[in-house]
PDBML (XML) file of the C-alpha atoms, coordinates in Angstrom:
<?xml version="1.0" encoding="UTF-8" ?>
<PDBx:datablock datablockName="MODEL"
   xmlns:PDBx="http://pdbml.pdb.org/schema/pdbx-v50.xsd"
   xmlns:xsi="http://www.w3.org/2001/XMLSchema-instance"
   xsi:schemaLocation="http://pdbml.pdb.org/schema/pdbx-v50.xsd pdbx-v50.xsd">
   <PDBx:atom_siteCategory>
      <PDBx:atom_site id="1">
         <PDBx:B_iso_or_equiv>0.00</PDBx:B_iso_or_equiv>
         <PDBx:Cartn_x>-4.017</PDBx:Cartn_x>
         <PDBx:Cartn_y>2.753</PDBx:Cartn_y>
         <PDBx:Cartn_z>-11.308</PDBx:Cartn_z>
         <PDBx:auth_asym_id>A</PDBx:auth_asym_id>
         <PDBx:auth_atom_id>CA</PDBx:auth_atom_id>
         <PDBx:auth_comp_id>GLY</PDBx:auth_comp_id>
         <PDBx:auth_seq_id>1</PDBx:auth_seq_id>
         <PDBx:group_PDB>ATOM</PDBx:group_PDB>
         <PDBx:label_alt_id xsi:nil="true" />
         <PDBx:label_asym_id>A</PDBx:label_asym_id>
         <PDBx:label_atom_id>CA</PDBx:label_atom_id>
         <PDBx:label_comp_id>GLY</PDBx:label_comp_id>
         <PDBx:label_entity_id>1</PDBx:label_entity_id>
         <PDBx:label_seq_id>1</PDBx:label_seq_id>
         <PDBx:occupancy>1.00</PDBx:occupancy>
         <PDBx:pdbx_PDB_model_num>1</PDBx:pdbx_PDB_model_num>
         <PDBx:type_symbol>C</PDBx:type_symbol>
      </PDBx:atom_site>
      <PDBx:atom_site id="2">
         <PDBx:B_iso_or_equiv>0.00</PDBx:B_iso_or_equiv>
         <PDBx:Cartn_x>-7.297</PDBx:Cartn_x>
         <PDBx:Cartn_y>0.856</PDBx:Cartn_y>
         <PDBx:Cartn_z>-11.250</PDBx:Cartn_z>
         <PDBx:auth_asym_id>A</PDBx:auth_asym_id>
         <PDBx:auth_atom_id>CA</PDBx:auth_atom_id>
         <PDBx:auth_comp_id>GLU</PDBx:auth_comp_id>
         <PDBx:auth_seq_id>2</PDBx:auth_seq_id>
         <PDBx:group_PDB>ATOM</PDBx:group_PDB>
         <PDBx:label_alt_id xsi:nil="true" />
         <PDBx:label_asym_id>A</PDBx:label_asym_id>
         <PDBx:label_atom_id>CA</PDBx:label_atom_id>
         <PDBx:label_comp_id>GLU</PDBx:label_comp_id>
         <PDBx:label_entity_id>1</PDBx:label_entity_id>
         <PDBx:label_seq_id>2</PDBx:label_seq_id>
         <PDBx:occupancy>1.00</PDBx:occupancy>
         <PDBx:pdbx_PDB_model_num>1</PDBx:pdbx_PDB_model_num>
         <PDBx:type_symbol>C</PDBx:type_symbol>
      </PDBx:atom_site>
      <PDBx:atom_site id="3">
         <PDBx:B_iso_or_equiv>0.00</PDBx:B_iso_or_equiv>
         <PDBx:Cartn_x>-8.450</PDBx:Cartn_x>
         <PDBx:Cartn_y>2.668</PDBx:Cartn_y>
         <PDBx:Cartn_z>-14.389</PDBx:Cartn_z>
         <PDBx:auth_asym_id>A</PDBx:auth_asym_id>
         <PDBx:auth_atom_id>CA</PDBx:auth_atom_id>
         <PDBx:auth_comp_id>LYS</PDBx:auth_comp_id>
         <PDBx:auth_seq_id>3</PDBx:auth_seq_id>
         <PDBx:group_PDB>ATOM</PDBx:group_PDB>
         <PDBx:label_alt_id xsi:nil="true" />
         <PDBx:label_asym_id>A</PDBx:label_asym_id>
         <PDBx:label_atom_id>CA</PDBx:label_atom_id>
         <PDBx:label_comp_id>LYS</PDBx:label_comp_id>
         <PDBx:label_entity_id>1</PDBx:label_entity_id>
         <PDBx:label_seq_id>3</PDBx:label_seq_id>
         <PDBx:occupancy>1.00</PDBx:occupancy>
         <PDBx:pdbx_PDB_model_num>1</PDBx:pdbx_PDB_model_num>
         <PDBx:type_symbol>C</PDBx:type_symbol>
      </PDBx:atom_site>
      <PDBx:atom_site id="4">
         <PDBx:B_iso_or_equiv>0.00</PDBx:B_iso_or_equiv>
         <PDBx:Cartn_x>-5.254</PDBx:Cartn_x>
         <PDBx:Cartn_y>1.556</PDBx:Cartn_y>
         <PDBx:Cartn_z>-16.112</PDBx:Cartn_z>
         <PDBx:auth_asym_id>A</PDBx:auth_asym_id>
         <PDBx:auth_atom_id>CA</PDBx:auth_atom_id>
         <PDBx:auth_comp_id>ASN</PDBx:auth_comp_id>
         <PDBx:auth_seq_id>4</PDBx:auth_seq_id>
         <PDBx:group_PDB>ATOM</PDBx:group_PDB>
         <PDBx:label_alt_id xsi:nil="true" />
         <PDBx:label_asym_id>A</PDBx:label_asym_id>
         <PDBx:label_atom_id>CA</PDBx:label_atom_id>
         <PDBx:label_comp_id>ASN</PDBx:label_comp_id>
         <PDBx:label_entity_id>1</PDBx:label_entity_id>
         <PDBx:label_seq_id>4</PDBx:label_seq_id>
         <PDBx:occupancy>1.00</PDBx:occupancy>
         <PDBx:pdbx_PDB_model_num>1</PDBx:pdbx_PDB_model_num>
         <PDBx:type_symbol>C</PDBx:type_symbol>
      </PDBx:atom_site>
      <PDBx:atom_site id="5">
         <PDBx:B_iso_or_equiv>0.00</PDBx:B_iso_or_equiv>
         <PDBx:Cartn_x>-5.843</PDBx:Cartn_x>
         <PDBx:Cartn_y>-2.049</PDBx:Cartn_y>
         <PDBx:Cartn_z>-15.104</PDBx:Cartn_z>
         <PDBx:auth_asym_id>A</PDBx:auth_asym_id>
         <PDBx:auth_atom_id>CA</PDBx:auth_atom_id>
         <PDBx:auth_comp_id>GLY</PDBx:auth_comp_id>
         <PDBx:auth_seq_id>5</PDBx:auth_seq_id>
         <PDBx:group_PDB>ATOM</PDBx:group_PDB>
         <PDBx:label_alt_id xsi:nil="true" />
         <PDBx:label_asym_id>A</PDBx:label_asym_id>
         <PDBx:label_atom_id>CA</PDBx:label_atom_id>
         <PDBx:label_comp_id>GLY</PDBx:label_comp_id>
         <PDBx:label_entity_id>1</PDBx:label_entity_id>
         <PDBx:label_seq_id>5</PDBx:label_seq_id>
         <PDBx:occupancy>1.00</PDBx:occupancy>
         <PDBx:pdbx_PDB_model_num>1</PDBx:pdbx_PDB_model_num>
         <PDBx:type_symbol>C</PDBx:type_symbol>
      </PDBx:atom_site>
      <PDBx:atom_site id="6">
         <PDBx:B_iso_or_equiv>0.00</PDBx:B_iso_or_equiv>
         <PDBx:Cartn_x>-3.338</PDBx:Cartn_x>
         <PDBx:Cartn_y>-2.289</PDBx:Cartn_y>
         <PDBx:Cartn_z>-12.233</PDBx:Cartn_z>
         <PDBx:auth_asym_id>A</PDBx:auth_asym_id>
         <PDBx:auth_atom_id>CA</PDBx:auth_atom_id>
         <PDBx:auth_comp_id>VAL</PDBx:auth_comp_id>
         <PDBx:auth_seq_id>6</PDBx:auth_seq_id>
         <PDBx:group_PDB>ATOM</PDBx:group_PDB>
         <PDBx:label_alt_id xsi:nil="true" />
         <PDBx:label_asym_id>A</PDBx:label_asym_id>
         <PDBx:label_atom_id>CA</PDBx:label_atom_id>
         <PDBx:label_comp_id>VAL</PDBx:label_comp_id>
         <PDBx:label_entity_id>1</PDBx:label_entity_id>
         <PDBx:label_seq_id>6</PDBx:label_seq_id>
         <PDBx:occupancy>1.00</PDBx:occupancy>
         <PDBx:pdbx_PDB_model_num>1</PDBx:pdbx_PDB_model_num>
         <PDBx:type_symbol>C</PDBx:type_symbol>
      </PDBx:atom_site>
      <PDBx:atom_site id="7">
         <PDBx:B_iso_or_equiv>0.00</PDBx:B_iso_or_equiv>
         <PDBx:Cartn_x>-4.398</PDBx:Cartn_x>
         <PDBx:Cartn_y>-5.061</PDBx:Cartn_y>
         <PDBx:Cartn_z>-9.835</PDBx:Cartn_z>
         <PDBx:auth_asym_id>A</PDBx:auth_asym_id>
         <PDBx:auth_atom_id>CA</PDBx:auth_atom_id>
         <PDBx:auth_comp_id>LYS</PDBx:auth_comp_id>
         <PDBx:auth_seq_id>7</PDBx:auth_seq_id>
         <PDBx:group_PDB>ATOM</PDBx:group_PDB>
         <PDBx:label_alt_id xsi:nil="true" />
         <PDBx:label_asym_id>A</PDBx:label_asym_id>
         <PDBx:label_atom_id>CA</PDBx:label_atom_id>
         <PDBx:label_comp_id>LYS</PDBx:label_comp_id>
         <PDBx:label_entity_id>1</PDBx:label_entity_id>
         <PDBx:label_seq_id>7</PDBx:label_seq_id>
         <PDBx:occupancy>1.00</PDBx:occupancy>
         <PDBx:pdbx_PDB_model_num>1</PDBx:pdbx_PDB_model_num>
         <PDBx:type_symbol>C</PDBx:type_symbol>
      </PDBx:atom_site>
      <PDBx:atom_site id="8">
         <PDBx:B_iso_or_equiv>0.00</PDBx:B_iso_or_equiv>
         <PDBx:Cartn_x>-4.059</PDBx:Cartn_x>
         <PDBx:Cartn_y>-5.239</PDBx:Cartn_y>
         <PDBx:Cartn_z>-6.044</PDBx:Cartn_z>
         <PDBx:auth_asym_id>A</PDBx:auth_asym_id>
         <PDBx:auth_atom_id>CA</PDBx:auth_atom_id>
         <PDBx:auth_comp_id>ASP</PDBx:auth_comp_id>
         <PDBx:auth_seq_id>8</PDBx:auth_seq_id>
         <PDBx:group_PDB>ATOM</PDBx:group_PDB>
         <PDBx:label_alt_id xsi:nil="true" />
         <PDBx:label_asym_id>A</PDBx:label_asym_id>
         <PDBx:label_atom_id>CA</PDBx:label_atom_id>
         <PDBx:label_comp_id>ASP</PDBx:label_comp_id>
         <PDBx:label_entity_id>1</PDBx:label_entity_id>
         <PDBx:label_seq_id>8</PDBx:label_seq_id>
         <PDBx:occupancy>1.00</PDBx:occupancy>
         <PDBx:pdbx_PDB_model_num>1</PDBx:pdbx_PDB_model_num>
         <PDBx:type_symbol>C</PDBx:type_symbol>
      </PDBx:atom_site>
      <PDBx:atom_site id="9">
         <PDBx:B_iso_or_equiv>0.00</PDBx:B_iso_or_equiv>
         <PDBx:Cartn_x>-3.757</PDBx:Cartn_x>
         <PDBx:Cartn_y>-1.495</PDBx:Cartn_y>
         <PDBx:Cartn_z>-5.391</PDBx:Cartn_z>
         <PDBx:auth_asym_id>A</PDBx:auth_asym_id>
         <PDBx:auth_atom_id>CA</PDBx:auth_atom_id>
         <PDBx:auth_comp_id>VAL</PDBx:auth_comp_id>
         <PDBx:auth_seq_id>9</PDBx:auth_seq_id>
         <PDBx:group_PDB>ATOM</PDBx:group_PDB>
         <PDBx:label_alt_id xsi:nil="true" />
         <PDBx:label_asym_id>A</PDBx:label_asym_id>
         <PDBx:label_atom_id>CA</PDBx:label_atom_id>
         <PDBx:label_comp_id>VAL</PDBx:label_comp_id>
         <PDBx:label_entity_id>1</PDBx:label_entity_id>
         <PDBx:label_seq_id>9</PDBx:label_seq_id>
         <PDBx:occupancy>1.00</PDBx:occupancy>
         <PDBx:pdbx_PDB_model_num>1</PDBx:pdbx_PDB_model_num>
         <PDBx:type_symbol>C</PDBx:type_symbol>
      </PDBx:atom_site>
      <PDBx:atom_site id="10">
         <PDBx:B_iso_or_equiv>0.00</PDBx:B_iso_or_equiv>
         <PDBx:Cartn_x>-4.851</PDBx:Cartn_x>
         <PDBx:Cartn_y>-0.338</PDBx:Cartn_y>
         <PDBx:Cartn_z>-1.946</PDBx:Cartn_z>
         <PDBx:auth_asym_id>A</PDBx:auth_asym_id>
         <PDBx:auth_atom_id>CA</PDBx:auth_atom_id>
         <PDBx:auth_comp_id>SER</PDBx:auth_comp_id>
         <PDBx:auth_seq_id>10</PDBx:auth_seq_id>
         <PDBx:group_PDB>ATOM</PDBx:group_PDB>
         <PDBx:label_alt_id xsi:nil="true" />
         <PDBx:label_asym_id>A</PDBx:label_asym_id>
         <PDBx:label_atom_id>CA</PDBx:label_atom_id>
         <PDBx:label_comp_id>SER</PDBx:label_comp_id>
         <PDBx:label_entity_id>1</PDBx:label_entity_id>
         <PDBx:label_seq_id>10</PDBx:label_seq_id>
         <PDBx:occupancy>1.00</PDBx:occupancy>
         <PDBx:pdbx_PDB_model_num>1</PDBx:pdbx_PDB_model_num>
         <PDBx:type_symbol>C</PDBx:type_symbol>
      </PDBx:atom_site>
      <PDBx:atom_site id="11">
         <PDBx:B_iso_or_equiv>0.00</PDBx:B_iso_or_equiv>
         <PDBx:Cartn_x>-4.415</PDBx:Cartn_x>
         <PDBx:Cartn_y>2.457</PDBx:Cartn_y>
         <PDBx:Cartn_z>0.579</PDBx:Cartn_z>
         <PDBx:auth_asym_id>A</PDBx:auth_asym_id>
         <PDBx:auth_atom_id>CA</PDBx:auth_atom_id>
         <PDBx:auth_comp_id>ILE</PDBx:auth_comp_id>
         <PDBx:auth_seq_id>11</PDBx:auth_seq_id>
         <PDBx:group_PDB>ATOM</PDBx:group_PDB>
         <PDBx:label_alt_id xsi:nil="true" />
         <PDBx:label_asym_id>A</PDBx:label_asym_id>
         <PDBx:label_atom_id>CA</PDBx:label_atom_id>
         <PDBx:label_comp_id>ILE</PDBx:label_comp_id>
         <PDBx:label_entity_id>1</PDBx:label_entity_id>
         <PDBx:label_seq_id>11</PDBx:label_seq_id>
         <PDBx:occupancy>1.00</PDBx:occupancy>
         <PDBx:pdbx_PDB_model_num>1</PDBx:pdbx_PDB_model_num>
         <PDBx:type_symbol>C</PDBx:type_symbol>
      </PDBx:atom_site>
      <PDBx:atom_site id="12">
         <PDBx:B_iso_or_equiv>0.00</PDBx:B_iso_or_equiv>
         <PDBx:Cartn_x>-3.081</PDBx:Cartn_x>
         <PDBx:Cartn_y>1.411</PDBx:Cartn_y>
         <PDBx:Cartn_z>3.964</PDBx:Cartn_z>
         <PDBx:auth_asym_id>A</PDBx:auth_asym_id>
         <PDBx:auth_atom_id>CA</PDBx:auth_atom_id>
         <PDBx:auth_comp_id>ILE</PDBx:auth_comp_id>
         <PDBx:auth_seq_id>12</PDBx:auth_seq_id>
         <PDBx:group_PDB>ATOM</PDBx:group_PDB>
         <PDBx:label_alt_id xsi:nil="true" />
         <PDBx:label_asym_id>A</PDBx:label_asym_id>
         <PDBx:label_atom_id>CA</PDBx:label_atom_id>
         <PDBx:label_comp_id>ILE</PDBx:label_comp_id>
         <PDBx:label_entity_id>1</PDBx:label_entity_id>
         <PDBx:label_seq_id>12</PDBx:label_seq_id>
         <PDBx:occupancy>1.00</PDBx:occupancy>
         <PDBx:pdbx_PDB_model_num>1</PDBx:pdbx_PDB_model_num>
         <PDBx:type_symbol>C</PDBx:type_symbol>
      </PDBx:atom_site>
      <PDBx:atom_site id="13">
         <PDBx:B_iso_or_equiv>0.00</PDBx:B_iso_or_equiv>
         <PDBx:Cartn_x>-2.476</PDBx:Cartn_x>
         <PDBx:Cartn_y>3.277</PDBx:Cartn_y>
         <PDBx:Cartn_z>7.211</PDBx:Cartn_z>
         <PDBx:auth_asym_id>A</PDBx:auth_asym_id>
         <PDBx:auth_atom_id>CA</PDBx:auth_atom_id>
         <PDBx:auth_comp_id>SER</PDBx:auth_comp_id>
         <PDBx:auth_seq_id>13</PDBx:auth_seq_id>
         <PDBx:group_PDB>ATOM</PDBx:group_PDB>
         <PDBx:label_alt_id xsi:nil="true" />
         <PDBx:label_asym_id>A</PDBx:label_asym_id>
         <PDBx:label_atom_id>CA</PDBx:label_atom_id>
         <PDBx:label_comp_id>SER</PDBx:label_comp_id>
         <PDBx:label_entity_id>1</PDBx:label_entity_id>
         <PDBx:label_seq_id>13</PDBx:label_seq_id>
         <PDBx:occupancy>1.00</PDBx:occupancy>
         <PDBx:pdbx_PDB_model_num>1</PDBx:pdbx_PDB_model_num>
         <PDBx:type_symbol>C</PDBx:type_symbol>
      </PDBx:atom_site>
      <PDBx:atom_site id="14">
         <PDBx:B_iso_or_equiv>0.00</PDBx:B_iso_or_equiv>
         <PDBx:Cartn_x>0.903</PDBx:Cartn_x>
         <PDBx:Cartn_y>4.486</PDBx:Cartn_y>
         <PDBx:Cartn_z>8.421</PDBx:Cartn_z>
         <PDBx:auth_asym_id>A</PDBx:auth_asym_id>
         <PDBx:auth_atom_id>CA</PDBx:auth_atom_id>
         <PDBx:auth_comp_id>GLY</PDBx:auth_comp_id>
         <PDBx:auth_seq_id>14</PDBx:auth_seq_id>
         <PDBx:group_PDB>ATOM</PDBx:group_PDB>
         <PDBx:label_alt_id xsi:nil="true" />
         <PDBx:label_asym_id>A</PDBx:label_asym_id>
         <PDBx:label_atom_id>CA</PDBx:label_atom_id>
         <PDBx:label_comp_id>GLY</PDBx:label_comp_id>
         <PDBx:label_entity_id>1</PDBx:label_entity_id>
         <PDBx:label_seq_id>14</PDBx:label_seq_id>
         <PDBx:occupancy>1.00</PDBx:occupancy>
         <PDBx:pdbx_PDB_model_num>1</PDBx:pdbx_PDB_model_num>
         <PDBx:type_symbol>C</PDBx:type_symbol>
      </PDBx:atom_site>
      <PDBx:atom_site id="15">
         <PDBx:B_iso_or_equiv>0.00</PDBx:B_iso_or_equiv>
         <PDBx:Cartn_x>0.989</PDBx:Cartn_x>
         <PDBx:Cartn_y>1.709</PDBx:Cartn_y>
         <PDBx:Cartn_z>11.024</PDBx:Cartn_z>
         <PDBx:auth_asym_id>A</PDBx:auth_asym_id>
         <PDBx:auth_atom_id>CA</PDBx:auth_atom_id>
         <PDBx:auth_comp_id>ASP</PDBx:auth_comp_id>
         <PDBx:auth_seq_id>15</PDBx:auth_seq_id>
         <PDBx:group_PDB>ATOM</PDBx:group_PDB>
         <PDBx:label_alt_id xsi:nil="true" />
         <PDBx:label_asym_id>A</PDBx:label_asym_id>
         <PDBx:label_atom_id>CA</PDBx:label_atom_id>
         <PDBx:label_comp_id>ASP</PDBx:label_comp_id>
         <PDBx:label_entity_id>1</PDBx:label_entity_id>
         <PDBx:label_seq_id>15</PDBx:label_seq_id>
         <PDBx:occupancy>1.00</PDBx:occupancy>
         <PDBx:pdbx_PDB_model_num>1</PDBx:pdbx_PDB_model_num>
         <PDBx:type_symbol>C</PDBx:type_symbol>
      </PDBx:atom_site>
      <PDBx:atom_site id="16">
         <PDBx:B_iso_or_equiv>0.00</PDBx:B_iso_or_equiv>
         <PDBx:Cartn_x>0.243</PDBx:Cartn_x>
         <PDBx:Cartn_y>-0.918</PDBx:Cartn_y>
         <PDBx:Cartn_z>8.372</PDBx:Cartn_z>
         <PDBx:auth_asym_id>A</PDBx:auth_asym_id>
         <PDBx:auth_atom_id>CA</PDBx:auth_atom_id>
         <PDBx:auth_comp_id>GLU</PDBx:auth_comp_id>
         <PDBx:auth_seq_id>16</PDBx:auth_seq_id>
         <PDBx:group_PDB>ATOM</PDBx:group_PDB>
         <PDBx:label_alt_id xsi:nil="true" />
         <PDBx:label_asym_id>A</PDBx:label_asym_id>
         <PDBx:label_atom_id>CA</PDBx:label_atom_id>
         <PDBx:label_comp_id>GLU</PDBx:label_comp_id>
         <PDBx:label_entity_id>1</PDBx:label_entity_id>
         <PDBx:label_seq_id>16</PDBx:label_seq_id>
         <PDBx:occupancy>1.00</PDBx:occupancy>
         <PDBx:pdbx_PDB_model_num>1</PDBx:pdbx_PDB_model_num>
         <PDBx:type_symbol>C</PDBx:type_symbol>
      </PDBx:atom_site>
      <PDBx:atom_site id="17">
         <PDBx:B_iso_or_equiv>0.00</PDBx:B_iso_or_equiv>
         <PDBx:Cartn_x>2.993</PDBx:Cartn_x>
         <PDBx:Cartn_y>0.519</PDBx:Cartn_y>
         <PDBx:Cartn_z>6.194</PDBx:Cartn_z>
         <PDBx:auth_asym_id>A</PDBx:auth_asym_id>
         <PDBx:auth_atom_id>CA</PDBx:auth_atom_id>
         <PDBx:auth_comp_id>ALA</PDBx:auth_comp_id>
         <PDBx:auth_seq_id>17</PDBx:auth_seq_id>
         <PDBx:group_PDB>ATOM</PDBx:group_PDB>
         <PDBx:label_alt_id xsi:nil="true" />
         <PDBx:label_asym_id>A</PDBx:label_asym_id>
         <PDBx:label_atom_id>CA</PDBx:label_atom_id>
         <PDBx:label_comp_id>ALA</PDBx:label_comp_id>
         <PDBx:label_entity_id>1</PDBx:label_entity_id>
         <PDBx:label_seq_id>17</PDBx:label_seq_id>
         <PDBx:occupancy>1.00</PDBx:occupancy>
         <PDBx:pdbx_PDB_model_num>1</PDBx:pdbx_PDB_model_num>
         <PDBx:type_symbol>C</PDBx:type_symbol>
      </PDBx:atom_site>
      <PDBx:atom_site id="18">
         <PDBx:B_iso_or_equiv>0.00</PDBx:B_iso_or_equiv>
         <PDBx:Cartn_x>5.469</PDBx:Cartn_x>
         <PDBx:Cartn_y>0.303</PDBx:Cartn_y>
         <PDBx:Cartn_z>9.089</PDBx:Cartn_z>
         <PDBx:auth_asym_id>A</PDBx:auth_asym_id>
         <PDBx:auth_atom_id>CA</PDBx:auth_atom_id>
         <PDBx:auth_comp_id>ARG</PDBx:auth_comp_id>
         <PDBx:auth_seq_id>18</PDBx:auth_seq_id>
         <PDBx:group_PDB>ATOM</PDBx:group_PDB>
         <PDBx:label_alt_id xsi:nil="true" />
         <PDBx:label_asym_id>A</PDBx:label_asym_id>
         <PDBx:label_atom_id>CA</PDBx:label_atom_id>
         <PDBx:label_comp_id>ARG</PDBx:label_comp_id>
         <PDBx:label_entity_id>1</PDBx:label_entity_id>
         <PDBx:label_seq_id>18</PDBx:label_seq_id>
         <PDBx:occupancy>1.00</PDBx:occupancy>
         <PDBx:pdbx_PDB_model_num>1</PDBx:pdbx_PDB_model_num>
         <PDBx:type_symbol>C</PDBx:type_symbol>
      </PDBx:atom_site>
      <PDBx:atom_site id="19">
         <PDBx:B_iso_or_equiv>0.00</PDBx:B_iso_or_equiv>
         <PDBx:Cartn_x>4.490</PDBx:Cartn_x>
         <PDBx:Cartn_y>-3.327</PDBx:Cartn_y>
         <PDBx:Cartn_z>9.655</PDBx:Cartn_z>
         <PDBx:auth_asym_id>A</PDBx:auth_asym_id>
         <PDBx:auth_atom_id>CA</PDBx:auth_atom_id>
         <PDBx:auth_comp_id>GLU</PDBx:auth_comp_id>
         <PDBx:auth_seq_id>19</PDBx:auth_seq_id>
         <PDBx:group_PDB>ATOM</PDBx:group_PDB>
         <PDBx:label_alt_id xsi:nil="true" />
         <PDBx:label_asym_id>A</PDBx:label_asym_id>
         <PDBx:label_atom_id>CA</PDBx:label_atom_id>
         <PDBx:label_comp_id>GLU</PDBx:label_comp_id>
         <PDBx:label_entity_id>1</PDBx:label_entity_id>
         <PDBx:label_seq_id>19</PDBx:label_seq_id>
         <PDBx:occupancy>1.00</PDBx:occupancy>
         <PDBx:pdbx_PDB_model_num>1</PDBx:pdbx_PDB_model_num>
         <PDBx:type_symbol>C</PDBx:type_symbol>
      </PDBx:atom_site>
      <PDBx:atom_site id="20">
         <PDBx:B_iso_or_equiv>0.00</PDBx:B_iso_or_equiv>
         <PDBx:Cartn_x>5.660</PDBx:Cartn_x>
         <PDBx:Cartn_y>-3.975</PDBx:Cartn_y>
         <PDBx:Cartn_z>6.097</PDBx:Cartn_z>
         <PDBx:auth_asym_id>A</PDBx:auth_asym_id>
         <PDBx:auth_atom_id>CA</PDBx:auth_atom_id>
         <PDBx:auth_comp_id>LEU</PDBx:auth_comp_id>
         <PDBx:auth_seq_id>20</PDBx:auth_seq_id>
         <PDBx:group_PDB>ATOM</PDBx:group_PDB>
         <PDBx:label_alt_id xsi:nil="true" />
         <PDBx:label_asym_id>A</PDBx:label_asym_id>
         <PDBx:label_atom_id>CA</PDBx:label_atom_id>
         <PDBx:label_comp_id>LEU</PDBx:label_comp_id>
         <PDBx:label_entity_id>1</PDBx:label_entity_id>
         <PDBx:label_seq_id>20</PDBx:label_seq_id>
         <PDBx:occupancy>1.00</PDBx:occupancy>
         <PDBx:pdbx_PDB_model_num>1</PDBx:pdbx_PDB_model_num>
         <PDBx:type_symbol>C</PDBx:type_symbol>
      </PDBx:atom_site>
      <PDBx:atom_site id="21">
         <PDBx:B_iso_or_equiv>0.00</PDBx:B_iso_or_equiv>
         <PDBx:Cartn_x>8.705</PDBx:Cartn_x>
         <PDBx:Cartn_y>-1.691</PDBx:Cartn_y>
         <PDBx:Cartn_z>6.362</PDBx:Cartn_z>
         <PDBx:auth_asym_id>A</PDBx:auth_asym_id>
         <PDBx:auth_atom_id>CA</PDBx:auth_atom_id>
         <PDBx:auth_comp_id>GLU</PDBx:auth_comp_id>
         <PDBx:auth_seq_id>21</PDBx:auth_seq_id>
         <PDBx:group_PDB>ATOM</PDBx:group_PDB>
         <PDBx:label_alt_id xsi:nil="true" />
         <PDBx:label_asym_id>A</PDBx:label_asym_id>
         <PDBx:label_atom_id>CA</PDBx:label_atom_id>
         <PDBx:label_comp_id>GLU</PDBx:label_comp_id>
         <PDBx:label_entity_id>1</PDBx:label_entity_id>
         <PDBx:label_seq_id>21</PDBx:label_seq_id>
         <PDBx:occupancy>1.00</PDBx:occupancy>
         <PDBx:pdbx_PDB_model_num>1</PDBx:pdbx_PDB_model_num>
         <PDBx:type_symbol>C</PDBx:type_symbol>
      </PDBx:atom_site>
      <PDBx:atom_site id="22">
         <PDBx:B_iso_or_equiv>0.00</PDBx:B_iso_or_equiv>
         <PDBx:Cartn_x>9.692</PDBx:Cartn_x>
         <PDBx:Cartn_y>-1.051</PDBx:Cartn_y>
         <PDBx:Cartn_z>10.015</PDBx:Cartn_z>
         <PDBx:auth_asym_id>A</PDBx:auth_asym_id>
         <PDBx:auth_atom_id>CA</PDBx:auth_atom_id>
         <PDBx:auth_comp_id>PRO</PDBx:auth_comp_id>
         <PDBx:auth_seq_id>22</PDBx:auth_seq_id>
         <PDBx:group_PDB>ATOM</PDBx:group_PDB>
         <PDBx:label_alt_id xsi:nil="true" />
         <PDBx:label_asym_id>A</PDBx:label_asym_id>
         <PDBx:label_atom_id>CA</PDBx:label_atom_id>
         <PDBx:label_comp_id>PRO</PDBx:label_comp_id>
         <PDBx:label_entity_id>1</PDBx:label_entity_id>
         <PDBx:label_seq_id>22</PDBx:label_seq_id>
         <PDBx:occupancy>1.00</PDBx:occupancy>
         <PDBx:pdbx_PDB_model_num>1</PDBx:pdbx_PDB_model_num>
         <PDBx:type_symbol>C</PDBx:type_symbol>
      </PDBx:atom_site>
      <PDBx:atom_site id="23">
         <PDBx:B_iso_or_equiv>0.00</PDBx:B_iso_or_equiv>
         <PDBx:Cartn_x>12.335</PDBx:Cartn_x>
         <PDBx:Cartn_y>1.512</PDBx:Cartn_y>
         <PDBx:Cartn_z>9.012</PDBx:Cartn_z>
         <PDBx:auth_asym_id>A</PDBx:auth_asym_id>
         <PDBx:auth_atom_id>CA</PDBx:auth_atom_id>
         <PDBx:auth_comp_id>ASN</PDBx:auth_comp_id>
         <PDBx:auth_seq_id>23</PDBx:auth_seq_id>
         <PDBx:group_PDB>ATOM</PDBx:group_PDB>
         <PDBx:label_alt_id xsi:nil="true" />
         <PDBx:label_asym_id>A</PDBx:label_asym_id>
         <PDBx:label_atom_id>CA</PDBx:label_atom_id>
         <PDBx:label_comp_id>ASN</PDBx:label_comp_id>
         <PDBx:label_entity_id>1</PDBx:label_entity_id>
         <PDBx:label_seq_id>23</PDBx:label_seq_id>
         <PDBx:occupancy>1.00</PDBx:occupancy>
         <PDBx:pdbx_PDB_model_num>1</PDBx:pdbx_PDB_model_num>
         <PDBx:type_symbol>C</PDBx:type_symbol>
      </PDBx:atom_site>
      <PDBx:atom_site id="24">
         <PDBx:B_iso_or_equiv>0.00</PDBx:B_iso_or_equiv>
         <PDBx:Cartn_x>9.759</PDBx:Cartn_x>
         <PDBx:Cartn_y>3.927</PDBx:Cartn_y>
         <PDBx:Cartn_z>7.619</PDBx:Cartn_z>
         <PDBx:auth_asym_id>A</PDBx:auth_asym_id>
         <PDBx:auth_atom_id>CA</PDBx:auth_atom_id>
         <PDBx:auth_comp_id>LEU</PDBx:auth_comp_id>
         <PDBx:auth_seq_id>24</PDBx:auth_seq_id>
         <PDBx:group_PDB>ATOM</PDBx:group_PDB>
         <PDBx:label_alt_id xsi:nil="true" />
         <PDBx:label_asym_id>A</PDBx:label_asym_id>
         <PDBx:label_atom_id>CA</PDBx:label_atom_id>
         <PDBx:label_comp_id>LEU</PDBx:label_comp_id>
         <PDBx:label_entity_id>1</PDBx:label_entity_id>
         <PDBx:label_seq_id>24</PDBx:label_seq_id>
         <PDBx:occupancy>1.00</PDBx:occupancy>
         <PDBx:pdbx_PDB_model_num>1</PDBx:pdbx_PDB_model_num>
         <PDBx:type_symbol>C</PDBx:type_symbol>
      </PDBx:atom_site>
   </PDBx:atom_siteCategory>
</PDBx:datablock>
């Protein structure tokens, strides 16, 4: 993604993902 110029790409933990989407 970064090589193709996509901005704001990051890897987050499972807990951080569930903070964004509690139904995960």
